[in-house]
């Protein structure tokens, strides 16, 4: 595994922990969270397991639905690229 792949895996796990906790706090199943966020439940499952990082639009939807500070979630995970994409897209 390359250093880049290791950093991506660490960021994915950080996202996973955060979103899984917030979903469970609301008592939502993956399917209920999918309905509320508009993100397919399979994608949510993969994000929560750390198998993938969310695209910036997906991250924004999750943060908005769970009422999390978007910029903080991006910064916590060291996802500078996602933050820059969000700024270009006018989300920050």
N, C-alpha and C. Protein backbone atom coordinates (compact mmCIF):
# COMPACT_ATOMS: atom_id res chain seq x y z
N UNK A 1 0.84 -1.18 0.00
CA UNK A 1 0.00 0.00 0.00
C UNK A 1 0.89 1.24 0.00
N UNK A 2 0.61 2.16 -0.89
CA UNK A 2 1.39 3.39 -0.98
C UNK A 2 1.02 4.34 0.15
N UNK A 3 1.84 5.34 0.35
CA UNK A 3 1.56 6.34 1.40
C UNK A 3 0.25 7.06 1.10
N UNK A 4 0.01 7.35 -0.18
CA UNK A 4 -1.24 8.02 -0.57
C UNK A 4 -2.45 7.15 -0.23
N UNK A 5 -2.35 5.85 -0.52
CA UNK A 5 -3.44 4.92 -0.23
C UNK A 5 -3.68 4.81 1.27
N UNK A 6 -2.60 4.84 2.06
CA UNK A 6 -2.74 4.79 3.51
C UNK A 6 -3.46 6.02 4.04
N UNK A 7 -3.07 7.19 3.53
CA UNK A 7 -3.74 8.43 3.97
C UNK A 7 -5.21 8.42 3.59
N UNK A 8 -5.53 7.93 2.39
CA UNK A 8 -6.93 7.85 1.95
C UNK A 8 -7.71 6.90 2.84
N UNK A 9 -7.10 5.79 3.24
CA UNK A 9 -7.77 4.82 4.11
C UNK A 9 -8.04 5.43 5.48
N UNK A 10 -7.10 6.18 6.01
CA UNK A 10 -7.28 6.83 7.31
C UNK A 10 -8.41 7.85 7.24
N UNK A 11 -8.45 8.65 6.17
CA UNK A 11 -9.53 9.63 6.02
C UNK A 11 -10.88 8.93 5.91
N UNK A 12 -10.92 7.83 5.16
CA UNK A 12 -12.17 7.09 5.00
C UNK A 12 -12.67 6.57 6.34
N UNK A 13 -11.78 6.07 7.17
CA UNK A 13 -12.18 5.57 8.48
C UNK A 13 -12.65 6.70 9.39
N UNK A 14 -12.03 7.87 9.28
CA UNK A 14 -12.47 9.01 10.09
C UNK A 14 -13.88 9.43 9.70
N UNK A 15 -14.17 9.47 8.41
CA UNK A 15 -15.52 9.77 7.95
C UNK A 15 -16.49 8.70 8.45
N UNK A 16 -16.07 7.46 8.34
CA UNK A 16 -16.93 6.34 8.72
C UNK A 16 -17.39 6.46 10.16
N UNK A 17 -16.46 6.69 11.06
CA UNK A 17 -16.80 6.80 12.47
C UNK A 17 -17.78 7.93 12.72
N UNK A 18 -17.52 9.07 12.14
CA UNK A 18 -18.38 10.23 12.37
C UNK A 18 -19.80 10.03 11.89
N UNK A 19 -19.97 9.57 10.67
CA UNK A 19 -21.32 9.45 10.13
C UNK A 19 -22.10 8.30 10.72
N UNK A 20 -21.45 7.20 11.01
CA UNK A 20 -22.15 6.07 11.62
C UNK A 20 -22.68 6.46 13.00
N UNK A 21 -21.89 7.18 13.76
CA UNK A 21 -22.32 7.61 15.10
C UNK A 21 -23.53 8.53 15.00
N UNK A 22 -23.48 9.49 14.10
CA UNK A 22 -24.59 10.45 13.98
C UNK A 22 -25.87 9.78 13.47
N UNK A 23 -25.73 8.80 12.60
CA UNK A 23 -26.91 8.08 12.12
C UNK A 23 -27.54 7.29 13.27
N UNK A 24 -26.71 6.61 14.03
CA UNK A 24 -27.22 5.80 15.14
C UNK A 24 -27.84 6.66 16.23
N UNK A 25 -27.29 7.85 16.47
CA UNK A 25 -27.86 8.76 17.48
C UNK A 25 -29.31 9.10 17.16
N UNK A 26 -29.62 9.14 15.88
CA UNK A 26 -30.98 9.44 15.45
C UNK A 26 -31.86 8.20 15.41
N UNK A 27 -31.26 7.04 15.63
CA UNK A 27 -32.01 5.80 15.59
C UNK A 27 -32.40 5.38 14.18
N UNK A 28 -31.65 5.87 13.20
CA UNK A 28 -31.96 5.58 11.80
C UNK A 28 -31.26 4.32 11.31
N UNK A 29 -31.97 3.54 10.51
CA UNK A 29 -31.34 2.45 9.77
C UNK A 29 -30.63 3.08 8.57
N UNK A 30 -29.84 2.28 7.88
CA UNK A 30 -29.20 2.79 6.66
C UNK A 30 -30.23 3.22 5.63
N UNK A 31 -31.30 2.45 5.50
CA UNK A 31 -32.34 2.81 4.52
C UNK A 31 -33.05 4.11 4.89
N UNK A 32 -33.28 4.32 6.18
CA UNK A 32 -33.91 5.56 6.61
C UNK A 32 -32.98 6.75 6.37
N UNK A 33 -31.69 6.56 6.68
CA UNK A 33 -30.71 7.61 6.43
C UNK A 33 -30.62 7.91 4.94
N UNK A 34 -30.70 6.87 4.12
CA UNK A 34 -30.66 7.07 2.67
C UNK A 34 -31.84 7.91 2.21
N UNK A 35 -33.00 7.64 2.76
CA UNK A 35 -34.20 8.40 2.39
C UNK A 35 -34.05 9.87 2.81
N UNK A 36 -33.51 10.09 4.01
CA UNK A 36 -33.36 11.46 4.52
C UNK A 36 -32.28 12.25 3.79
N UNK A 37 -31.21 11.58 3.40
CA UNK A 37 -30.08 12.28 2.78
C UNK A 37 -30.13 12.30 1.26
N UNK A 38 -30.86 11.35 0.68
CA UNK A 38 -30.86 11.24 -0.77
C UNK A 38 -29.64 10.51 -1.31
N UNK A 39 -28.91 9.86 -0.42
CA UNK A 39 -27.72 9.09 -0.80
C UNK A 39 -28.10 7.61 -0.74
N UNK A 40 -27.81 6.83 -1.78
CA UNK A 40 -28.17 5.41 -1.75
C UNK A 40 -27.63 4.69 -0.51
N UNK A 41 -28.43 3.77 0.03
CA UNK A 41 -28.01 3.10 1.27
C UNK A 41 -26.73 2.30 1.08
N UNK A 42 -26.50 1.78 -0.11
CA UNK A 42 -25.27 1.03 -0.38
C UNK A 42 -24.06 1.96 -0.26
N UNK A 43 -24.21 3.17 -0.77
CA UNK A 43 -23.13 4.16 -0.66
C UNK A 43 -22.88 4.53 0.80
N UNK A 44 -23.96 4.75 1.55
CA UNK A 44 -23.82 5.06 2.97
C UNK A 44 -23.10 3.93 3.71
N UNK A 45 -23.47 2.72 3.39
CA UNK A 45 -22.86 1.55 4.01
C UNK A 45 -21.35 1.53 3.74
N UNK A 46 -20.97 1.75 2.49
CA UNK A 46 -19.55 1.76 2.13
C UNK A 46 -18.81 2.90 2.82
N UNK A 47 -19.42 4.06 2.92
CA UNK A 47 -18.81 5.21 3.60
C UNK A 47 -18.61 4.89 5.08
N UNK A 48 -19.66 4.33 5.71
CA UNK A 48 -19.58 4.03 7.14
C UNK A 48 -18.57 2.93 7.46
N UNK A 49 -18.33 2.04 6.52
CA UNK A 49 -17.34 0.98 6.73
C UNK A 49 -15.93 1.44 6.37
N UNK A 50 -15.82 2.65 5.83
CA UNK A 50 -14.51 3.17 5.45
C UNK A 50 -14.02 2.62 4.13
N UNK A 51 -14.91 2.03 3.36
CA UNK A 51 -14.52 1.48 2.05
C UNK A 51 -14.33 2.56 1.00
N UNK A 52 -14.96 3.70 1.23
CA UNK A 52 -14.83 4.80 0.26
C UNK A 52 -15.04 6.13 0.96
N UNK A 53 -14.46 7.15 0.36
CA UNK A 53 -14.68 8.52 0.81
C UNK A 53 -15.85 9.09 0.03
N UNK A 54 -16.67 9.90 0.68
CA UNK A 54 -17.79 10.49 -0.07
C UNK A 54 -17.31 11.59 -1.00
N UNK A 55 -18.00 11.73 -2.12
CA UNK A 55 -17.77 12.88 -3.00
C UNK A 55 -18.19 14.12 -2.23
N UNK A 56 -17.71 15.27 -2.66
CA UNK A 56 -17.99 16.50 -1.93
C UNK A 56 -19.50 16.76 -1.83
N UNK A 57 -20.25 16.46 -2.88
CA UNK A 57 -21.70 16.69 -2.84
C UNK A 57 -22.37 15.76 -1.82
N UNK A 58 -21.90 14.52 -1.76
CA UNK A 58 -22.44 13.56 -0.79
C UNK A 58 -22.08 14.00 0.62
N UNK A 59 -20.86 14.44 0.81
CA UNK A 59 -20.43 14.93 2.12
C UNK A 59 -21.30 16.09 2.56
N UNK A 60 -21.57 17.00 1.64
CA UNK A 60 -22.41 18.15 1.97
C UNK A 60 -23.82 17.69 2.38
N UNK A 61 -24.40 16.75 1.65
CA UNK A 61 -25.74 16.25 1.99
C UNK A 61 -25.76 15.62 3.37
N UNK A 62 -24.75 14.81 3.66
CA UNK A 62 -24.68 14.15 4.96
C UNK A 62 -24.55 15.18 6.09
N UNK A 63 -23.66 16.13 5.91
CA UNK A 63 -23.47 17.17 6.93
C UNK A 63 -24.75 17.98 7.12
N UNK A 64 -25.40 18.32 6.03
CA UNK A 64 -26.63 19.11 6.12
C UNK A 64 -27.71 18.32 6.86
N UNK A 65 -27.89 17.07 6.51
CA UNK A 65 -28.93 16.25 7.13
C UNK A 65 -28.64 15.99 8.60
N UNK A 66 -27.39 15.70 8.93
CA UNK A 66 -27.02 15.40 10.31
C UNK A 66 -26.70 16.66 11.12
N UNK A 67 -26.83 17.82 10.45
CA UNK A 67 -26.55 19.12 11.08
C UNK A 67 -25.14 19.18 11.65
N UNK A 68 -24.20 18.80 10.81
CA UNK A 68 -22.78 18.85 11.16
C UNK A 68 -22.12 19.98 10.40
N UNK A 69 -21.12 20.62 10.99
CA UNK A 69 -20.41 21.69 10.29
C UNK A 69 -19.56 21.11 9.16
N UNK A 70 -19.94 21.42 7.95
CA UNK A 70 -19.28 20.87 6.76
C UNK A 70 -17.78 21.12 6.78
N UNK A 71 -17.37 22.34 7.01
CA UNK A 71 -15.95 22.68 6.97
C UNK A 71 -15.17 21.91 8.04
N UNK A 72 -15.77 21.73 9.22
CA UNK A 72 -15.08 20.99 10.28
C UNK A 72 -14.92 19.51 9.92
N UNK A 73 -15.96 18.91 9.32
CA UNK A 73 -15.85 17.50 8.94
C UNK A 73 -14.76 17.32 7.90
N UNK A 74 -14.67 18.25 6.98
CA UNK A 74 -13.63 18.17 5.95
C UNK A 74 -12.26 18.35 6.60
N UNK A 75 -12.14 19.35 7.47
CA UNK A 75 -10.86 19.64 8.10
C UNK A 75 -10.41 18.51 9.02
N UNK A 76 -11.33 17.92 9.78
CA UNK A 76 -10.99 16.84 10.69
C UNK A 76 -10.33 15.69 9.97
N UNK A 77 -10.76 15.44 8.77
CA UNK A 77 -10.24 14.29 8.01
C UNK A 77 -9.08 14.66 7.13
N UNK A 78 -8.67 15.91 7.16
CA UNK A 78 -7.53 16.33 6.35
C UNK A 78 -7.82 16.29 4.86
N UNK A 79 -9.08 16.43 4.49
CA UNK A 79 -9.46 16.33 3.08
C UNK A 79 -9.40 17.71 2.44
N UNK A 80 -8.21 18.21 2.24
CA UNK A 80 -8.02 19.53 1.67
C UNK A 80 -8.61 19.60 0.27
N UNK A 81 -8.43 18.56 -0.51
CA UNK A 81 -8.97 18.54 -1.87
C UNK A 81 -10.47 18.71 -1.86
N UNK A 82 -11.16 18.01 -0.97
CA UNK A 82 -12.61 18.12 -0.88
C UNK A 82 -13.02 19.54 -0.48
N UNK A 83 -12.27 20.14 0.42
CA UNK A 83 -12.57 21.50 0.85
C UNK A 83 -12.42 22.47 -0.32
N UNK A 84 -11.36 22.31 -1.09
CA UNK A 84 -11.15 23.17 -2.25
C UNK A 84 -12.25 22.98 -3.29
N UNK A 85 -12.67 21.72 -3.51
CA UNK A 85 -13.76 21.45 -4.44
C UNK A 85 -15.04 22.12 -3.96
N UNK A 86 -15.28 22.06 -2.66
CA UNK A 86 -16.48 22.67 -2.09
C UNK A 86 -16.48 24.18 -2.28
N UNK A 87 -15.32 24.78 -2.10
CA UNK A 87 -15.22 26.23 -2.29
C UNK A 87 -15.52 26.59 -3.75
N UNK A 88 -14.93 25.83 -4.67
CA UNK A 88 -15.19 26.08 -6.10
C UNK A 88 -16.64 25.89 -6.45
N UNK A 89 -17.30 24.93 -5.78
CA UNK A 89 -18.71 24.66 -6.05
C UNK A 89 -19.64 25.64 -5.31
N UNK A 90 -19.04 26.53 -4.49
CA UNK A 90 -19.84 27.51 -3.78
C UNK A 90 -20.52 26.97 -2.53
N UNK A 91 -20.07 25.83 -2.01
CA UNK A 91 -20.68 25.24 -0.82
C UNK A 91 -20.09 25.80 0.47
N UNK A 92 -18.92 26.42 0.39
CA UNK A 92 -18.29 27.04 1.57
C UNK A 92 -18.20 28.53 1.39
